[in-house]
Protein backbone atom coordinates (compact mmCIF):
# COMPACT_ATOMS: atom_id res chain seq x y z
CA MET A 1 0.00 -0.01 0.00
CA ALA A 2 1.45 3.33 -1.04
CA HIS A 3 1.61 6.03 1.62
CA LYS A 4 0.98 9.69 0.93
CA ILE A 5 3.95 11.90 1.78
CA VAL A 6 2.58 14.95 3.54
CA PRO A 7 4.82 18.03 3.52
CA ILE A 8 5.89 19.48 6.86
CA ARG A 9 4.28 22.75 5.79
CA VAL A 10 0.84 21.11 6.06
CA TYR A 11 1.50 19.93 9.61
CA ALA A 12 2.90 23.31 10.60
CA THR A 13 -0.13 25.10 9.14
CA VAL A 14 -2.59 22.80 10.92
CA PHE A 15 -0.64 23.21 14.16
CA ALA A 16 -0.77 27.01 13.79
CA ILE A 17 -4.53 26.83 13.18
CA LEU A 18 -4.96 24.64 16.26
CA LEU A 19 -3.00 27.13 18.36
CA ALA A 20 -5.07 30.00 16.98
CA LEU A 21 -8.31 28.15 17.78
CA THR A 22 -7.07 27.43 21.29
CA LEU A 23 -6.28 31.12 21.81
CA THR A 24 -9.70 31.99 20.35
CA THR A 25 -11.36 29.62 22.82
CA PHE A 26 -9.51 31.25 25.70
CA LEU A 27 -10.35 34.78 24.58
CA LEU A 28 -14.01 34.01 23.91
CA ALA A 29 -14.31 32.39 27.34
CA GLN A 30 -13.58 35.79 28.85
CA ILE A 31 -16.70 37.24 27.17
CA ASN A 32 -20.18 36.41 28.45
CA PHE A 33 -22.38 35.28 25.56
CA GLY A 34 -25.03 33.84 27.86
CA PRO A 35 -26.27 30.42 26.81
CA MET A 36 -24.23 30.61 23.60
CA ASN A 37 -20.93 30.14 25.53
CA THR A 38 -21.27 26.38 25.39
CA VAL A 39 -22.31 26.37 21.75
CA ILE A 40 -19.36 28.52 20.69
CA ALA A 41 -16.91 26.41 22.70
CA LEU A 42 -18.28 23.19 21.23
CA ILE A 43 -18.06 24.50 17.67
CA ILE A 44 -14.41 25.39 18.18
CA ALA A 45 -13.72 22.04 19.90
CA VAL A 46 -15.33 20.06 17.07
CA THR A 47 -13.32 22.02 14.52
CA LYS A 48 -10.10 21.27 16.37
CA ALA A 49 -11.02 17.59 16.72
CA LEU A 50 -11.73 17.33 12.99
CA LEU A 51 -8.41 18.95 12.13
CA VAL A 52 -6.55 16.51 14.38
CA ALA A 53 -8.42 13.52 12.97
CA LEU A 54 -8.09 14.56 9.34
CA PHE A 55 -4.44 15.54 9.31
CA PHE A 56 -2.59 14.05 12.29
CA MET A 57 -4.52 10.76 12.22
CA HIS A 58 -4.29 10.72 8.41
CA ILE A 59 -8.02 10.18 7.83
CA ARG A 60 -7.89 12.62 4.93
CA TYR A 61 -5.39 10.45 3.06
CA SER A 62 -6.87 7.08 4.06
CA PRO A 63 -8.80 4.68 1.86
CA LYS A 64 -12.57 4.97 1.68
CA LEU A 65 -13.07 2.09 4.08
CA MET A 66 -11.18 3.92 6.84
CA LYS A 67 -13.24 7.05 6.18
CA LEU A 68 -16.39 4.95 6.48
CA VAL A 69 -15.19 3.47 9.79
CA PHE A 70 -14.43 6.97 11.08
CA ALA A 71 -17.85 8.24 10.02
CA ALA A 72 -19.57 5.21 11.56
CA SER A 73 -17.74 5.78 14.86
CA LEU A 74 -18.85 9.42 14.89
CA PHE A 75 -22.40 8.31 14.14
CA TRP A 76 -22.30 5.81 17.01
CA LEU A 77 -20.90 8.46 19.35
CA GLY A 78 -23.78 10.72 18.33
CA ILE A 79 -26.28 7.98 19.17
CA LEU A 80 -24.71 7.53 22.62
CA VAL A 81 -24.76 11.28 23.28
CA VAL A 82 -28.41 11.56 22.23
CA ILE A 83 -29.42 8.64 24.46
CA THR A 84 -27.50 10.06 27.41
CA MET A 85 -28.89 13.55 26.95
CA SER A 86 -32.46 12.26 26.53
CA ASP A 87 -32.14 10.54 29.92
CA TYR A 88 -30.51 13.52 31.60
CA LEU A 89 -32.90 16.14 30.23
CA THR A 90 -36.04 14.19 31.16
CA ARG A 91 -35.12 13.52 34.79
CA ALA A 92 -36.94 16.65 35.94
CA LEU A 93 -40.14 15.28 34.36
CA ARG A 94 -39.94 12.05 36.40
CA TYR A 95 -39.02 13.64 39.70
CA PRO A 96 -40.69 17.08 39.77
CA GLY A 97 -39.82 17.82 43.42
CA ASN A 98 -36.05 17.36 42.99
CA PRO A 99 -33.99 20.07 41.28
């Protein structure tokens, strides 16, 4: 199987973007956006996670089967998060007296 040779410039650029997004997360955490704080932080975190997966884990240069496995794992993670959140968010409906 032939491997793709990725130039160092690509890794350096992605690393610089990750550092910039980390700084952005820190700076935006100092500002109160109300309930949007979590949404903004999660958008930045997902972007950073995708950059790490695509470039440092070589998903971008992998065969289609590996991309399918990666997508399926994200889909499964989404299912687990939805199930967990559906339980957590409906607890107040089952036990109205408890906060």
